[in-house]
PDB file of all heavy atoms in Angstrom:
ATOM      1  N   PHE A   1     -20.027  30.563  15.340  1.00  0.00           N
ATOM      2  CA  PHE A   1     -18.858  31.444  15.265  1.00  0.00           C
ATOM      3  C   PHE A   1     -18.594  32.105  16.626  1.00  0.00           C
ATOM      4  O   PHE A   1     -17.434  32.355  16.965  1.00  0.00           O
ATOM      5  CB  PHE A   1     -19.056  32.534  14.198  1.00  0.00           C
ATOM      6  CG  PHE A   1     -18.843  31.995  12.784  1.00  0.00           C
ATOM      7  CD1 PHE A   1     -19.841  32.153  11.826  1.00  0.00           C
ATOM      8  CD2 PHE A   1     -17.665  31.364  12.464  1.00  0.00           C
ATOM      9  CE1 PHE A   1     -19.603  31.726  10.512  1.00  0.00           C
ATOM     10  CE2 PHE A   1     -17.474  30.877  11.180  1.00  0.00           C
ATOM     11  CZ  PHE A   1     -18.439  31.056  10.173  1.00  0.00           C
ATOM     12  N   LYS A   2     -19.642  32.387  17.356  1.00  0.00           N
ATOM     13  CA  LYS A   2     -19.470  33.066  18.648  1.00  0.00           C
ATOM     14  C   LYS A   2     -19.086  32.119  19.793  1.00  0.00           C
ATOM     15  O   LYS A   2     -18.200  32.443  20.551  1.00  0.00           O
ATOM     16  CB  LYS A   2     -20.766  33.789  19.017  1.00  0.00           C
ATOM     17  CG  LYS A   2     -21.127  34.942  18.118  1.00  0.00           C
ATOM     18  CD  LYS A   2     -22.452  35.594  18.503  1.00  0.00           C
ATOM     19  CE  LYS A   2     -22.788  36.721  17.587  1.00  0.00           C
ATOM     20  NZ  LYS A   2     -24.099  37.314  17.920  1.00  0.00           N
ATOM     21  N   THR A   3     -19.807  30.990  19.921  1.00  0.00           N
ATOM     22  CA  THR A   3     -19.636  30.139  21.085  1.00  0.00           C
ATOM     23  C   THR A   3     -19.046  28.785  20.736  1.00  0.00           C
ATOM     24  O   THR A   3     -18.796  27.970  21.651  1.00  0.00           O
ATOM     25  CB  THR A   3     -20.983  29.896  21.767  1.00  0.00           C
ATOM     26  OG1 THR A   3     -21.879  29.188  20.832  1.00  0.00           O
ATOM     27  CG2 THR A   3     -21.635  31.188  22.157  1.00  0.00           C
ATOM     28  N   GLY A   4     -18.893  28.480  19.480  1.00  0.00           N
ATOM     29  CA  GLY A   4     -18.290  27.207  19.107  1.00  0.00           C
ATOM     30  C   GLY A   4     -19.365  26.213  18.611  1.00  0.00           C
ATOM     31  O   GLY A   4     -19.045  25.204  17.973  1.00  0.00           O
ATOM     32  N   GLU A   5     -20.638  26.415  18.936  1.00  0.00           N
ATOM     33  CA  GLU A   5     -21.727  25.545  18.480  1.00  0.00           C
ATOM     34  C   GLU A   5     -23.041  26.324  18.496  1.00  0.00           C
ATOM     35  O   GLU A   5     -23.204  27.311  19.177  1.00  0.00           O
ATOM     36  CB  GLU A   5     -21.823  24.303  19.330  1.00  0.00           C
ATOM     37  CG  GLU A   5     -22.151  24.573  20.768  1.00  0.00           C
ATOM     38  CD  GLU A   5     -22.258  23.285  21.615  1.00  0.00           C
ATOM     39  OE1 GLU A   5     -22.138  22.190  21.029  1.00  0.00           O
ATOM     40  OE2 GLU A   5     -22.532  23.377  22.827  1.00  0.00           O
ATOM     41  N   GLY A   6     -23.943  25.809  17.738  1.00  0.00           N
ATOM     42  CA  GLY A   6     -25.313  26.436  17.678  1.00  0.00           C
ATOM     43  C   GLY A   6     -26.313  25.436  17.173  1.00  0.00           C
ATOM     44  O   GLY A   6     -25.978  24.579  16.352  1.00  0.00           O
ATOM     45  N   GLU A   7     -27.517  25.575  17.639  1.00  0.00           N
ATOM     46  CA  GLU A   7     -28.559  24.648  17.198  1.00  0.00           C
ATOM     47  C   GLU A   7     -29.896  25.414  17.075  1.00  0.00           C
ATOM     48  O   GLU A   7     -30.115  26.387  17.805  1.00  0.00           O
ATOM     49  CB  GLU A   7     -28.716  23.461  18.134  1.00  0.00           C
ATOM     50  CG  GLU A   7     -29.034  23.827  19.598  1.00  0.00           C
ATOM     51  CD  GLU A   7     -29.134  22.584  20.444  1.00  0.00           C
ATOM     52  OE1 GLU A   7     -28.889  21.490  19.966  1.00  0.00           O
ATOM     53  OE2 GLU A   7     -29.414  22.775  21.651  1.00  0.00           O
ATOM     54  N   ILE A   8     -30.783  24.901  16.251  1.00  0.00           N
ATOM     55  CA  ILE A   8     -32.085  25.486  16.035  1.00  0.00           C
ATOM     56  C   ILE A   8     -32.963  24.505  15.297  1.00  0.00           C
ATOM     57  O   ILE A   8     -32.501  23.593  14.669  1.00  0.00           O
ATOM     58  CB  ILE A   8     -31.953  26.829  15.217  1.00  0.00           C
ATOM     59  CG1 ILE A   8     -33.223  27.645  15.337  1.00  0.00           C
ATOM     60  CG2 ILE A   8     -31.644  26.484  13.735  1.00  0.00           C
ATOM     61  CD1 ILE A   8     -33.111  29.007  14.711  1.00  0.00           C
ATOM     62  N   ALA A   9     -34.276  24.711  15.459  1.00  0.00           N
ATOM     63  CA  ALA A   9     -35.276  23.881  14.792  1.00  0.00           C
ATOM     64  C   ALA A   9     -36.172  24.839  13.985  1.00  0.00           C
ATOM     65  O   ALA A   9     -36.659  25.820  14.483  1.00  0.00           O
ATOM     66  CB  ALA A   9     -36.111  23.090  15.752  1.00  0.00           C
ATOM     67  N   ARG A  10     -36.336  24.535  12.668  1.00  0.00           N
ATOM     68  CA  ARG A  10     -37.133  25.355  11.782  1.00  0.00           C
ATOM     69  C   ARG A  10     -38.179  24.464  11.094  1.00  0.00           C
ATOM     70  O   ARG A  10     -37.969  23.305  10.801  1.00  0.00           O
ATOM     71  CB  ARG A  10     -36.277  26.052  10.765  1.00  0.00           C
ATOM     72  CG  ARG A  10     -35.537  27.249  11.334  1.00  0.00           C
ATOM     73  CD  ARG A  10     -35.015  28.106  10.191  1.00  0.00           C
ATOM     74  NE  ARG A  10     -33.857  27.469   9.524  1.00  0.00           N
ATOM     75  CZ  ARG A  10     -32.622  27.657   9.872  1.00  0.00           C
ATOM     76  NH1 ARG A  10     -32.287  28.470  10.880  1.00  0.00           N
ATOM     77  NH2 ARG A  10     -31.624  27.077   9.175  1.00  0.00           N
ATOM     78  N   HIS A  11     -39.379  25.097  10.873  1.00  0.00           N
ATOM     79  CA  HIS A  11     -40.393  24.413  10.100  1.00  0.00           C
ATOM     80  C   HIS A  11     -39.959  24.298   8.630  1.00  0.00           C
ATOM     81  O   HIS A  11     -39.554  25.256   8.023  1.00  0.00           O
ATOM     82  CB  HIS A  11     -41.733  25.134  10.176  1.00  0.00           C
ATOM     83  CG  HIS A  11     -42.393  24.946  11.510  1.00  0.00           C
ATOM     84  ND1 HIS A  11     -42.935  23.774  11.968  1.00  0.00           N
ATOM     85  CD2 HIS A  11     -42.539  25.845  12.581  1.00  0.00           C
ATOM     86  CE1 HIS A  11     -43.449  23.954  13.169  1.00  0.00           C
ATOM     87  NE2 HIS A  11     -43.212  25.190  13.568  1.00  0.00           N
ATOM     88  N   SER A  12     -40.151  23.094   8.136  1.00  0.00           N
ATOM     89  CA  SER A  12     -39.822  22.873   6.715  1.00  0.00           C
ATOM     90  C   SER A  12     -41.047  23.101   5.859  1.00  0.00           C
ATOM     91  O   SER A  12     -42.182  23.154   6.351  1.00  0.00           O
ATOM     92  CB  SER A  12     -39.320  21.402   6.590  1.00  0.00           C
ATOM     93  OG  SER A  12     -39.132  21.083   5.198  1.00  0.00           O
ATOM     94  N   ASP A  13     -40.802  23.208   4.571  1.00  0.00           N
ATOM     95  CA  ASP A  13     -41.915  23.345   3.665  1.00  0.00           C
ATOM     96  C   ASP A  13     -42.697  22.067   3.553  1.00  0.00           C
ATOM     97  O   ASP A  13     -43.880  22.013   3.163  1.00  0.00           O
ATOM     98  CB  ASP A  13     -41.427  23.702   2.238  1.00  0.00           C
ATOM     99  CG  ASP A  13     -40.781  25.134   2.238  1.00  0.00           C
ATOM    100  OD1 ASP A  13     -41.183  25.907   3.095  1.00  0.00           O
ATOM    101  OD2 ASP A  13     -39.942  25.372   1.391  1.00  0.00           O
ATOM    102  N   THR A  14     -42.070  20.988   3.966  1.00  0.00           N
ATOM    103  CA  THR A  14     -42.739  19.711   3.930  1.00  0.00           C
ATOM    104  C   THR A  14     -43.819  19.649   5.034  1.00  0.00           C
ATOM    105  O   THR A  14     -43.537  20.063   6.171  1.00  0.00           O
ATOM    106  CB  THR A  14     -41.733  18.546   4.214  1.00  0.00           C
ATOM    107  OG1 THR A  14     -40.712  18.661   3.267  1.00  0.00           O
ATOM    108  CG2 THR A  14     -42.429  17.173   4.062  1.00  0.00           C
ATOM    109  N   PHE A  15     -44.969  19.196   4.760  1.00  0.00           N
ATOM    110  CA  PHE A  15     -46.088  19.206   5.687  1.00  0.00           C
ATOM    111  C   PHE A  15     -45.812  18.329   6.873  1.00  0.00           C
ATOM    112  O   PHE A  15     -45.379  17.162   6.757  1.00  0.00           O
ATOM    113  CB  PHE A  15     -47.362  18.751   4.965  1.00  0.00           C
ATOM    114  CG  PHE A  15     -48.575  18.780   5.830  1.00  0.00           C
ATOM    115  CD1 PHE A  15     -49.117  19.988   6.259  1.00  0.00           C
ATOM    116  CD2 PHE A  15     -49.241  17.601   6.285  1.00  0.00           C
ATOM    117  CE1 PHE A  15     -50.261  20.014   7.043  1.00  0.00           C
ATOM    118  CE2 PHE A  15     -50.331  17.649   7.055  1.00  0.00           C
ATOM    119  CZ  PHE A  15     -50.858  18.861   7.444  1.00  0.00           C
ATOM    120  N   ASN A  16     -46.094  18.909   8.103  1.00  0.00           N
ATOM    121  CA  ASN A  16     -45.938  18.184   9.387  1.00  0.00           C
ATOM    122  C   ASN A  16     -44.485  17.734   9.592  1.00  0.00           C
ATOM    123  O   ASN A  16     -44.280  16.653  10.169  1.00  0.00           O
ATOM    124  CB  ASN A  16     -46.844  16.982   9.452  1.00  0.00           C
ATOM    125  CG  ASN A  16     -48.340  17.385   9.678  1.00  0.00           C
ATOM    126  OD1 ASN A  16     -48.560  18.483  10.224  1.00  0.00           O
ATOM    127  ND2 ASN A  16     -49.271  16.586   9.271  1.00  0.00           N
ATOM    128  N   MET A  17     -43.520  18.478   9.109  1.00  0.00           N
ATOM    129  CA  MET A  17     -42.090  18.115   9.330  1.00  0.00           C
ATOM    130  C   MET A  17     -41.365  19.334   9.907  1.00  0.00           C
ATOM    131  O   MET A  17     -41.636  20.491   9.493  1.00  0.00           O
ATOM    132  CB  MET A  17     -41.438  17.634   8.036  1.00  0.00           C
ATOM    133  CG  MET A  17     -42.066  16.415   7.398  1.00  0.00           C
ATOM    134  SD  MET A  17     -41.775  14.944   8.445  1.00  0.00           S
ATOM    135  CE  MET A  17     -40.061  14.629   8.178  1.00  0.00           C
ATOM    136  N   ASP A  18     -40.438  19.096  10.801  1.00  0.00           N
ATOM    137  CA  ASP A  18     -39.533  20.121  11.331  1.00  0.00           C
ATOM    138  C   ASP A  18     -38.067  19.711  10.965  1.00  0.00           C
ATOM    139  O   ASP A  18     -37.783  18.534  10.853  1.00  0.00           O
ATOM    140  CB  ASP A  18     -39.630  20.191  12.869  1.00  0.00           C
ATOM    141  CG  ASP A  18     -40.869  20.908  13.321  1.00  0.00           C
ATOM    142  OD1 ASP A  18     -41.459  21.673  12.551  1.00  0.00           O
ATOM    143  OD2 ASP A  18     -41.293  20.683  14.488  1.00  0.00           O
ATOM    144  N   THR A  19     -37.277  20.748  10.741  1.00  0.00           N
ATOM    145  CA  THR A  19     -35.819  20.538  10.393  1.00  0.00           C
ATOM    146  C   THR A  19     -35.023  20.973  11.580  1.00  0.00           C
ATOM    147  O   THR A  19     -35.101  22.113  12.034  1.00  0.00           O
ATOM    148  CB  THR A  19     -35.450  21.277   9.165  1.00  0.00           C
ATOM    149  OG1 THR A  19     -36.300  20.873   8.063  1.00  0.00           O
ATOM    150  CG2 THR A  19     -33.990  20.944   8.796  1.00  0.00           C
ATOM    151  N   TYR A  20     -34.152  20.101  12.070  1.00  0.00           N
ATOM    152  CA  TYR A  20     -33.263  20.372  13.230  1.00  0.00           C
ATOM    153  C   TYR A  20     -31.842  20.573  12.682  1.00  0.00           C
ATOM    154  O   TYR A  20     -31.349  19.801  11.915  1.00  0.00           O
ATOM    155  CB  TYR A  20     -33.273  19.212  14.230  1.00  0.00           C
ATOM    156  CG  TYR A  20     -34.648  19.039  14.902  1.00  0.00           C
ATOM    157  CD1 TYR A  20     -35.645  18.266  14.302  1.00  0.00           C
ATOM    158  CD2 TYR A  20     -34.876  19.670  16.108  1.00  0.00           C
ATOM    159  CE1 TYR A  20     -36.851  18.095  14.899  1.00  0.00           C
ATOM    160  CE2 TYR A  20     -36.139  19.519  16.726  1.00  0.00           C
ATOM    161  CZ  TYR A  20     -37.132  18.733  16.088  1.00  0.00           C
ATOM    162  OH  TYR A  20     -38.338  18.576  16.711  1.00  0.00           O
ATOM    163  N   TYR A  21     -31.181  21.686  13.141  1.00  0.00           N
ATOM    164  CA  TYR A  21     -29.859  22.033  12.674  1.00  0.00           C
ATOM    165  C   TYR A  21     -28.915  22.070  13.873  1.00  0.00           C
ATOM    166  O   TYR A  21     -29.279  22.577  14.971  1.00  0.00           O
ATOM    167  CB  TYR A  21     -29.840  23.405  12.032  1.00  0.00           C
ATOM    168  CG  TYR A  21     -30.657  23.489  10.762  1.00  0.00           C
ATOM    169  CD1 TYR A  21     -31.965  23.909  10.826  1.00  0.00           C
ATOM    170  CD2 TYR A  21     -30.108  23.203   9.512  1.00  0.00           C
ATOM    171  CE1 TYR A  21     -32.754  24.028   9.651  1.00  0.00           C
ATOM    172  CE2 TYR A  21     -30.838  23.298   8.379  1.00  0.00           C
ATOM    173  CZ  TYR A  21     -32.149  23.710   8.420  1.00  0.00           C
ATOM    174  OH  TYR A  21     -32.911  23.825   7.255  1.00  0.00           O
ATOM    175  N   TYR A  22     -27.691  21.544  13.647  1.00  0.00           N
ATOM    176  CA  TYR A  22     -26.624  21.690  14.665  1.00  0.00           C
ATOM    177  C   TYR A  22     -25.316  22.088  13.935  1.00  0.00           C
ATOM    178  O   TYR A  22     -24.895  21.401  12.966  1.00  0.00           O
ATOM    179  CB  TYR A  22     -26.377  20.348  15.416  1.00  0.00           C
ATOM    180  CG  TYR A  22     -25.267  20.481  16.402  1.00  0.00           C
ATOM    181  CD1 TYR A  22     -25.474  21.095  17.624  1.00  0.00           C
ATOM    182  CD2 TYR A  22     -23.960  19.992  16.112  1.00  0.00           C
ATOM    183  CE1 TYR A  22     -24.423  21.170  18.546  1.00  0.00           C
ATOM    184  CE2 TYR A  22     -22.951  20.073  17.037  1.00  0.00           C
ATOM    185  CZ  TYR A  22     -23.176  20.670  18.257  1.00  0.00           C
ATOM    186  OH  TYR A  22     -22.163  20.794  19.166  1.00  0.00           O
ATOM    187  N   ALA A  23     -24.747  23.208  14.387  1.00  0.00           N
ATOM    188  CA  ALA A  23     -23.551  23.742  13.746  1.00  0.00           C
ATOM    189  C   ALA A  23     -22.368  23.670  14.716  1.00  0.00           C
ATOM    190  O   ALA A  23     -22.542  24.023  15.906  1.00  0.00           O
ATOM    191  CB  ALA A  23     -23.777  25.168  13.291  1.00  0.00           C
ATOM    192  N   LEU A  24     -21.194  23.271  14.204  1.00  0.00           N
ATOM    193  CA  LEU A  24     -20.017  23.100  15.034  1.00  0.00           C
ATOM    194  C   LEU A  24     -18.803  23.809  14.422  1.00  0.00           C
ATOM    195  O   LEU A  24     -18.532  23.613  13.228  1.00  0.00           O
ATOM    196  CB  LEU A  24     -19.689  21.619  15.225  1.00  0.00           C
ATOM    197  CG  LEU A  24     -18.550  21.234  16.083  1.00  0.00           C
ATOM    198  CD1 LEU A  24     -18.779  21.638  17.519  1.00  0.00           C
ATOM    199  CD2 LEU A  24     -18.253  19.719  16.021  1.00  0.00           C
ATOM    200  N   LEU A  25     -18.162  24.645  15.178  1.00  0.00           N
ATOM    201  CA  LEU A  25     -16.986  25.406  14.691  1.00  0.00           C
ATOM    202  C   LEU A  25     -15.768  24.480  14.649  1.00  0.00           C
ATOM    203  O   LEU A  25     -15.392  23.861  15.637  1.00  0.00           O
ATOM    204  CB  LEU A  25     -16.716  26.610  15.602  1.00  0.00           C
ATOM    205  CG  LEU A  25     -15.577  27.537  15.213  1.00  0.00           C
ATOM    206  CD1 LEU A  25     -15.864  28.184  13.845  1.00  0.00           C
ATOM    207  CD2 LEU A  25     -15.325  28.600  16.296  1.00  0.00           C
ATOM    208  N   LEU A  26     -15.158  24.404  13.448  1.00  0.00           N
ATOM    209  CA  LEU A  26     -13.959  23.562  13.272  1.00  0.00           C
ATOM    210  C   LEU A  26     -12.700  24.384  13.577  1.00  0.00           C
ATOM    211  O   LEU A  26     -12.728  25.585  13.717  1.00  0.00           O
ATOM    212  CB  LEU A  26     -13.928  23.052  11.847  1.00  0.00           C
ATOM    213  CG  LEU A  26     -15.107  22.171  11.411  1.00  0.00           C
ATOM    214  CD1 LEU A  26     -14.916  21.733   9.957  1.00  0.00           C
ATOM    215  CD2 LEU A  26     -15.326  21.002  12.305  1.00  0.00           C
ATOM    216  N   ASP A  27     -11.584  23.672  13.755  1.00  0.00           N
ATOM    217  CA  ASP A  27     -10.305  24.301  14.136  1.00  0.00           C
ATOM    218  C   ASP A  27      -9.857  25.270  13.049  1.00  0.00           C
ATOM    219  O   ASP A  27      -9.096  26.252  13.351  1.00  0.00           O
ATOM    220  CB  ASP A  27      -9.236  23.215  14.387  1.00  0.00           C
ATOM    221  CG  ASP A  27      -9.601  22.418  15.598  1.00  0.00           C
ATOM    222  OD1 ASP A  27     -10.373  22.900  16.464  1.00  0.00           O
ATOM    223  OD2 ASP A  27      -9.111  21.254  15.714  1.00  0.00           O
ATOM    224  N   ASN A  28     -10.217  25.038  11.761  1.00  0.00           N
ATOM    225  CA  ASN A  28      -9.733  25.908  10.707  1.00  0.00           C
ATOM    226  C   ASN A  28     -10.655  27.133  10.474  1.00  0.00           C
ATOM    227  O   ASN A  28     -10.514  27.859   9.531  1.00  0.00           O
ATOM    228  CB  ASN A  28      -9.651  25.102   9.416  1.00  0.00           C
ATOM    229  CG  ASN A  28     -10.983  24.407   9.057  1.00  0.00           C
ATOM    230  OD1 ASN A  28     -12.014  24.758   9.566  1.00  0.00           O
ATOM    231  ND2 ASN A  28     -10.913  23.441   8.167  1.00  0.00           N
ATOM    232  N   GLY A  29     -11.583  27.355  11.428  1.00  0.00           N
ATOM    233  CA  GLY A  29     -12.446  28.536  11.358  1.00  0.00           C
ATOM    234  C   GLY A  29     -13.712  28.365  10.503  1.00  0.00           C
ATOM    235  O   GLY A  29     -14.512  29.272  10.414  1.00  0.00           O
ATOM    236  N   THR A  30     -13.883  27.191   9.882  1.00  0.00           N
ATOM    237  CA  THR A  30     -15.149  26.908   9.144  1.00  0.00           C
ATOM    238  C   THR A  30     -16.141  26.281  10.081  1.00  0.00           C
ATOM    239  O   THR A  30     -15.786  25.889  11.238  1.00  0.00           O
ATOM    240  CB  THR A  30     -14.835  25.983   7.970  1.00  0.00           C
ATOM    241  OG1 THR A  30     -14.292  24.737   8.483  1.00  0.00           O
ATOM    242  CG2 THR A  30     -13.849  26.626   7.031  1.00  0.00           C
ATOM    243  N   VAL A  31     -17.380  26.168   9.596  1.00  0.00           N
ATOM    244  CA  VAL A  31     -18.443  25.652  10.426  1.00  0.00           C
ATOM    245  C   VAL A  31     -19.046  24.393   9.685  1.00  0.00           C
ATOM    246  O   VAL A  31     -19.357  24.476   8.496  1.00  0.00           O
ATOM    247  CB  VAL A  31     -19.550  26.673  10.657  1.00  0.00           C
ATOM    248  CG1 VAL A  31     -20.764  25.969  11.317  1.00  0.00           C
ATOM    249  CG2 VAL A  31     -19.028  27.801  11.541  1.00  0.00           C
ATOM    250  N   LEU A  32     -19.141  23.336  10.456  1.00  0.00           N
ATOM    251  CA  LEU A  32     -19.785  22.103   9.948  1.00  0.00           C
ATOM    252  C   LEU A  32     -21.197  22.055  10.478  1.00  0.00           C
ATOM    253  O   LEU A  32     -21.402  22.114  11.697  1.00  0.00           O
ATOM    254  CB  LEU A  32     -19.026  20.895  10.348  1.00  0.00           C
ATOM    255  CG  LEU A  32     -19.609  19.553   9.977  1.00  0.00           C
ATOM    256  CD1 LEU A  32     -19.669  19.381   8.478  1.00  0.00           C
ATOM    257  CD2 LEU A  32     -18.808  18.397  10.630  1.00  0.00           C
TER     258      LEU A  32
END
């Protein structure tokens, strides 16, 4: 919402797995 994109990596509940997230601001104000 602030810069148009954002990313982060979080530990998942699954053993030895990480979850990577990438968020992108769309033209209609929503985030994908």
